Amino acid sequence: MWHYVGLARSARRLARALRDLNHLRQDIDDFYRATRLNDALIGLRHSVQAALIVAEAAQHNRASRGCHYRDDTKGTAPI
């Protein structure tokens, strides 16, 4: 998350994060269905879902605001 969805973001890094997180989510969901549930597994599954929400929101937000900076949107002035 820090390298791809951290403070400095780009479309390329966000796309990579989403691919990696979707792959991880699929692996965890497969394991989730085949394994006895415990708090750690539920927490892991929820963590990946939260990371996907953050990465998708970052991908849709093309403006640089606050401490988050999109280095691939040169024409967008920070607010």
N, C-alpha and C. Protein backbone atom coordinates (compact mmCIF):
# COMPACT_ATOMS: atom_id res chain seq x y z
N MET A 1 0.83 -1.19 0.00
CA MET A 1 0.00 0.00 0.00
C MET A 1 0.87 1.25 0.00
N TRP A 2 1.93 1.28 0.78
CA TRP A 2 2.74 2.49 0.88
C TRP A 2 3.40 2.82 -0.46
N HIS A 3 3.91 1.83 -1.17
CA HIS A 3 4.62 2.08 -2.42
C HIS A 3 3.69 2.45 -3.56
N TYR A 4 2.48 1.91 -3.59
CA TYR A 4 1.59 2.11 -4.73
C TYR A 4 0.44 3.07 -4.44
N VAL A 5 0.00 3.17 -3.20
CA VAL A 5 -1.15 4.02 -2.86
C VAL A 5 -0.76 5.01 -1.76
N GLY A 6 0.51 5.27 -1.61
CA GLY A 6 1.00 6.17 -0.57
C GLY A 6 0.78 7.63 -0.91
N LEU A 7 1.63 8.49 -0.39
CA LEU A 7 1.47 9.93 -0.57
C LEU A 7 1.63 10.34 -2.03
N ALA A 8 2.65 9.84 -2.72
CA ALA A 8 2.84 10.13 -4.14
C ALA A 8 2.24 8.99 -4.94
N ARG A 9 1.28 9.32 -5.77
CA ARG A 9 0.54 8.28 -6.51
C ARG A 9 0.64 8.54 -8.00
N SER A 10 0.42 7.49 -8.78
CA SER A 10 0.31 7.62 -10.23
C SER A 10 -0.69 6.57 -10.69
N ALA A 11 -1.22 6.77 -11.88
CA ALA A 11 -2.19 5.82 -12.43
C ALA A 11 -1.58 4.43 -12.56
N ARG A 12 -0.30 4.39 -12.99
CA ARG A 12 0.38 3.10 -13.16
C ARG A 12 0.52 2.34 -11.84
N ARG A 13 0.95 3.06 -10.79
CA ARG A 13 1.12 2.40 -9.49
C ARG A 13 -0.22 2.02 -8.88
N LEU A 14 -1.24 2.84 -9.06
CA LEU A 14 -2.56 2.50 -8.54
C LEU A 14 -3.14 1.27 -9.24
N ALA A 15 -2.94 1.19 -10.55
CA ALA A 15 -3.41 0.01 -11.29
C ALA A 15 -2.70 -1.24 -10.80
N ARG A 16 -1.40 -1.13 -10.54
CA ARG A 16 -0.65 -2.28 -10.02
C ARG A 16 -1.17 -2.69 -8.65
N ALA A 17 -1.43 -1.71 -7.79
CA ALA A 17 -1.97 -2.01 -6.45
C ALA A 17 -3.30 -2.73 -6.56
N LEU A 18 -4.17 -2.26 -7.44
CA LEU A 18 -5.49 -2.89 -7.58
C LEU A 18 -5.36 -4.32 -8.11
N ARG A 19 -4.46 -4.54 -9.07
CA ARG A 19 -4.25 -5.92 -9.56
C ARG A 19 -3.77 -6.82 -8.44
N ASP A 20 -2.76 -6.35 -7.70
CA ASP A 20 -2.21 -7.15 -6.61
C ASP A 20 -3.25 -7.42 -5.52
N LEU A 21 -4.00 -6.38 -5.15
CA LEU A 21 -5.00 -6.53 -4.09
C LEU A 21 -6.15 -7.44 -4.52
N ASN A 22 -6.57 -7.34 -5.79
CA ASN A 22 -7.63 -8.23 -6.27
C ASN A 22 -7.16 -9.68 -6.28
N HIS A 23 -5.91 -9.91 -6.66
CA HIS A 23 -5.36 -11.27 -6.64
C HIS A 23 -5.31 -11.78 -5.20
N LEU A 24 -4.83 -10.94 -4.30
CA LEU A 24 -4.75 -11.31 -2.89
C LEU A 24 -6.14 -11.58 -2.31
N ARG A 25 -7.11 -10.73 -2.67
CA ARG A 25 -8.49 -10.92 -2.20
C ARG A 25 -9.03 -12.27 -2.67
N GLN A 26 -8.77 -12.62 -3.93
CA GLN A 26 -9.26 -13.90 -4.46
C GLN A 26 -8.64 -15.07 -3.71
N ASP A 27 -7.33 -15.01 -3.47
CA ASP A 27 -6.67 -16.08 -2.71
C ASP A 27 -7.23 -16.19 -1.30
N ILE A 28 -7.43 -15.07 -0.64
CA ILE A 28 -7.96 -15.07 0.73
C ILE A 28 -9.40 -15.58 0.74
N ASP A 29 -10.21 -15.16 -0.24
CA ASP A 29 -11.60 -15.64 -0.30
C ASP A 29 -11.66 -17.14 -0.51
N ASP A 30 -10.79 -17.68 -1.36
CA ASP A 30 -10.75 -19.13 -1.56
C ASP A 30 -10.39 -19.84 -0.26
N PHE A 31 -9.38 -19.32 0.42
CA PHE A 31 -8.95 -19.89 1.70
C PHE A 31 -10.05 -19.74 2.75
N TYR A 32 -10.74 -18.59 2.74
CA TYR A 32 -11.81 -18.27 3.68
C TYR A 32 -12.94 -19.29 3.59
N ARG A 33 -13.26 -19.69 2.35
CA ARG A 33 -14.36 -20.65 2.15
C ARG A 33 -13.99 -22.08 2.55
N ALA A 34 -12.70 -22.40 2.50
CA ALA A 34 -12.26 -23.77 2.74
C ALA A 34 -11.72 -24.02 4.14
N THR A 35 -11.63 -22.99 4.96
CA THR A 35 -10.97 -23.10 6.25
C THR A 35 -11.92 -22.72 7.38
N ARG A 36 -11.66 -23.28 8.53
CA ARG A 36 -12.43 -22.90 9.70
C ARG A 36 -12.11 -21.45 10.07
N LEU A 37 -13.14 -20.68 10.34
CA LEU A 37 -12.97 -19.25 10.61
C LEU A 37 -12.33 -19.00 11.97
N ASN A 38 -11.51 -17.94 12.00
CA ASN A 38 -10.96 -17.45 13.25
C ASN A 38 -10.79 -15.93 13.12
N ASP A 39 -10.50 -15.27 14.21
CA ASP A 39 -10.41 -13.81 14.21
C ASP A 39 -9.32 -13.30 13.27
N ALA A 40 -8.20 -13.97 13.21
CA ALA A 40 -7.10 -13.52 12.36
C ALA A 40 -7.48 -13.57 10.88
N LEU A 41 -8.15 -14.62 10.46
CA LEU A 41 -8.56 -14.76 9.06
C LEU A 41 -9.62 -13.72 8.70
N ILE A 42 -10.56 -13.50 9.59
CA ILE A 42 -11.59 -12.48 9.35
C ILE A 42 -10.95 -11.09 9.27
N GLY A 43 -10.00 -10.82 10.16
CA GLY A 43 -9.30 -9.54 10.13
C GLY A 43 -8.50 -9.35 8.85
N LEU A 44 -7.84 -10.40 8.39
CA LEU A 44 -7.08 -10.33 7.15
C LEU A 44 -8.00 -10.04 5.97
N ARG A 45 -9.12 -10.73 5.92
CA ARG A 45 -10.08 -10.51 4.83
C ARG A 45 -10.61 -9.09 4.85
N HIS A 46 -10.95 -8.58 6.00
CA HIS A 46 -11.45 -7.20 6.11
C HIS A 46 -10.37 -6.19 5.77
N SER A 47 -9.14 -6.47 6.12
CA SER A 47 -8.03 -5.57 5.80
C SER A 47 -7.84 -5.43 4.29
N VAL A 48 -7.92 -6.53 3.58
CA VAL A 48 -7.78 -6.48 2.12
C VAL A 48 -8.95 -5.74 1.50
N GLN A 49 -10.15 -5.95 2.03
CA GLN A 49 -11.31 -5.22 1.50
C GLN A 49 -11.16 -3.72 1.73
N ALA A 50 -10.67 -3.33 2.90
CA ALA A 50 -10.45 -1.90 3.19
C ALA A 50 -9.36 -1.34 2.27
N ALA A 51 -8.30 -2.09 2.03
CA ALA A 51 -7.23 -1.63 1.14
C ALA A 51 -7.75 -1.44 -0.28
N LEU A 52 -8.62 -2.33 -0.74
CA LEU A 52 -9.22 -2.18 -2.07
C LEU A 52 -10.08 -0.92 -2.15
N ILE A 53 -10.83 -0.63 -1.13
CA ILE A 53 -11.66 0.58 -1.11
C ILE A 53 -10.78 1.82 -1.20
N VAL A 54 -9.71 1.85 -0.44
CA VAL A 54 -8.79 3.00 -0.45
C VAL A 54 -8.13 3.15 -1.82
N ALA A 55 -7.66 2.05 -2.40
CA ALA A 55 -6.99 2.10 -3.70
C ALA A 55 -7.95 2.53 -4.80
N GLU A 56 -9.18 2.03 -4.78
CA GLU A 56 -10.17 2.43 -5.79
C GLU A 56 -10.53 3.90 -5.66
N ALA A 57 -10.67 4.39 -4.44
CA ALA A 57 -10.97 5.80 -4.23
C ALA A 57 -9.80 6.66 -4.71
N ALA A 58 -8.57 6.23 -4.45
CA ALA A 58 -7.40 6.98 -4.90
C ALA A 58 -7.31 7.01 -6.43
N GLN A 59 -7.70 5.91 -7.06
CA GLN A 59 -7.66 5.86 -8.52
C GLN A 59 -8.69 6.82 -9.13
N HIS A 60 -9.85 6.94 -8.52
CA HIS A 60 -10.90 7.83 -9.05
C HIS A 60 -10.61 9.30 -8.78
N ASN A 61 -9.85 9.59 -7.74
CA ASN A 61 -9.53 10.97 -7.39
C ASN A 61 -8.27 11.39 -8.13
N ARG A 62 -8.41 12.16 -9.18
CA ARG A 62 -7.27 12.56 -9.99
C ARG A 62 -6.63 13.87 -9.51
N ALA A 63 -7.26 14.57 -8.60
CA ALA A 63 -6.73 15.84 -8.12
C ALA A 63 -5.76 15.62 -6.97
N SER A 64 -4.76 16.50 -6.88
CA SER A 64 -3.84 16.49 -5.75
C SER A 64 -4.45 17.36 -4.66
N ARG A 65 -4.72 16.77 -3.51
CA ARG A 65 -5.33 17.49 -2.40
C ARG A 65 -4.63 17.09 -1.10
N GLY A 66 -4.42 18.08 -0.26
CA GLY A 66 -3.81 17.79 1.03
C GLY A 66 -2.43 17.18 0.86
N CYS A 67 -2.18 16.09 1.55
CA CYS A 67 -0.85 15.49 1.49
C CYS A 67 -0.75 14.42 0.40
N HIS A 68 -1.84 14.10 -0.30
CA HIS A 68 -1.79 13.10 -1.38
C HIS A 68 -1.55 13.79 -2.70
N TYR A 69 -0.56 13.32 -3.45
CA TYR A 69 -0.13 13.96 -4.66
C TYR A 69 -0.16 12.98 -5.82
N ARG A 70 -0.82 13.37 -6.92
CA ARG A 70 -0.83 12.56 -8.14
C ARG A 70 0.25 13.09 -9.05
N ASP A 71 1.31 12.34 -9.25
CA ASP A 71 2.41 12.82 -10.08
C ASP A 71 2.17 12.63 -11.57
N ASP A 72 1.03 12.06 -11.95
CA ASP A 72 0.71 11.87 -13.36
C ASP A 72 -0.34 12.87 -13.85
N THR A 73 -0.76 13.80 -13.03
CA THR A 73 -1.75 14.82 -13.43
C THR A 73 -1.10 16.18 -13.32
N LYS A 74 -0.22 16.49 -14.22
CA LYS A 74 0.55 17.73 -14.18
C LYS A 74 -0.34 18.96 -14.34
N GLY A 75 -1.46 18.83 -15.04
CA GLY A 75 -2.31 19.98 -15.28
C GLY A 75 -3.24 20.31 -14.13
N THR A 76 -3.32 19.46 -13.12
CA THR A 76 -4.21 19.68 -12.00
C THR A 76 -3.46 20.37 -10.88
N ALA A 77 -3.89 21.55 -10.55
CA ALA A 77 -3.22 22.30 -9.49
C ALA A 77 -3.70 21.81 -8.13
N PRO A 78 -2.78 21.68 -7.17
CA PRO A 78 -3.18 21.29 -5.82
C PRO A 78 -4.07 22.35 -5.20
N ILE A 79 -5.02 21.89 -4.44
CA ILE A 79 -5.95 22.80 -3.75
C ILE A 79 -5.64 22.81 -2.27
